[in-house]
Amino acid sequence: MAGYRLVLEVRLTAVDPALQRPAAPDDGDSSRIPADAQAVFADYRARTRETASVIQDATIRRARAERAVA
C-alpha cells in the first residue's frame, strides 16, 4: 500500500498545470519532471517488464507442457 501511495503522490506532483495532464518522462523534456519521480517511473517500468517476462515464460512452459500431454 505504501508503494501505491508513493506512486500516487509522485503522479500528482508531476502534473503539468498548463496542460492538466501527467507529465511523462517520454515527453522529450524531462527537466519538468522531478528526479525522484523519474526514478519511480524507471523503477516501475523495470518491474513491469520483469513481471511481463515472468508471466510470458510461465505461459510458454504451460503451453509446452499441455502439448506434451496431448
Protein backbone atom coordinates (compact mmCIF):
# COMPACT_ATOMS: atom_id res chain seq x y z
CA MET A 1 0.00 0.00 0.00
CA ALA A 2 2.91 2.35 0.70
CA GLY A 3 4.20 1.89 -2.86
CA TYR A 4 0.80 2.78 -4.27
CA ARG A 5 0.67 5.93 -2.18
CA LEU A 6 4.19 6.91 -3.26
CA VAL A 7 3.38 6.46 -6.95
CA LEU A 8 0.12 8.38 -6.49
CA GLU A 9 1.92 11.25 -4.77
CA VAL A 10 4.60 11.33 -7.47
CA ARG A 11 1.97 11.31 -10.20
CA LEU A 12 0.11 14.17 -8.57
CA THR A 13 3.28 16.23 -8.23
CA ALA A 14 4.28 15.54 -11.85
CA VAL A 15 1.14 17.09 -13.37
CA ASP A 16 1.80 19.81 -15.92
CA PRO A 17 -0.62 22.57 -14.83
CA ALA A 18 -0.64 24.19 -18.29
CA LEU A 19 -1.93 21.04 -19.95
CA GLN A 20 -3.68 19.43 -16.96
CA ARG A 21 -2.24 16.05 -17.76
CA PRO A 22 0.53 13.97 -16.21
CA ALA A 23 3.99 14.83 -17.46
CA ALA A 24 5.59 11.59 -18.61
CA PRO A 25 9.34 11.02 -18.84
CA ASP A 26 8.92 10.19 -22.55
CA ASP A 27 7.66 13.71 -23.35
CA GLY A 28 11.13 14.65 -24.52
CA ASP A 29 11.76 17.41 -21.98
CA SER A 30 12.38 15.55 -18.74
CA SER A 31 13.57 18.72 -16.99
CA ARG A 32 9.96 19.40 -15.94
CA ILE A 33 9.82 16.12 -14.01
CA PRO A 34 11.42 15.91 -10.57
CA ALA A 35 14.36 13.49 -10.33
CA ASP A 36 12.64 11.38 -7.67
CA ALA A 37 9.60 11.00 -9.92
CA GLN A 38 11.82 9.91 -12.82
CA ALA A 39 13.40 7.30 -10.56
CA VAL A 40 9.98 5.98 -9.51
CA PHE A 41 8.85 5.78 -13.15
CA ALA A 42 12.04 3.97 -14.16
CA ASP A 43 11.68 1.51 -11.27
CA TYR A 44 8.03 0.89 -12.14
CA ARG A 45 8.86 0.26 -15.80
CA ALA A 46 11.66 -2.16 -14.87
CA ARG A 47 9.39 -4.12 -12.52
CA THR A 48 6.62 -4.16 -15.13
CA ARG A 49 8.98 -5.54 -17.78
CA GLU A 50 10.29 -8.14 -15.34
CA THR A 51 6.77 -9.23 -14.36
CA ALA A 52 5.70 -9.44 -18.00
CA SER A 53 8.74 -11.57 -18.78
CA VAL A 54 7.99 -13.95 -15.90
CA ILE A 55 4.36 -14.27 -16.99
CA GLN A 56 5.36 -14.88 -20.61
CA ASP A 57 7.88 -17.57 -19.60
CA ALA A 58 5.30 -19.30 -17.38
CA THR A 59 2.74 -19.21 -20.20
CA ILE A 60 5.18 -20.75 -22.67
CA ARG A 61 6.13 -23.50 -20.18
CA ARG A 62 2.46 -24.29 -19.53
CA ALA A 63 1.63 -24.40 -23.25
CA ARG A 64 4.57 -26.73 -23.90
CA ALA A 65 3.51 -28.99 -21.01
CA GLU A 66 -0.06 -29.13 -22.28
CA ARG A 67 1.15 -30.05 -25.79
CA ALA A 68 3.39 -32.76 -24.38
CA VAL A 69 0.45 -34.34 -22.54
CA ALA A 70 -1.88 -34.17 -25.53
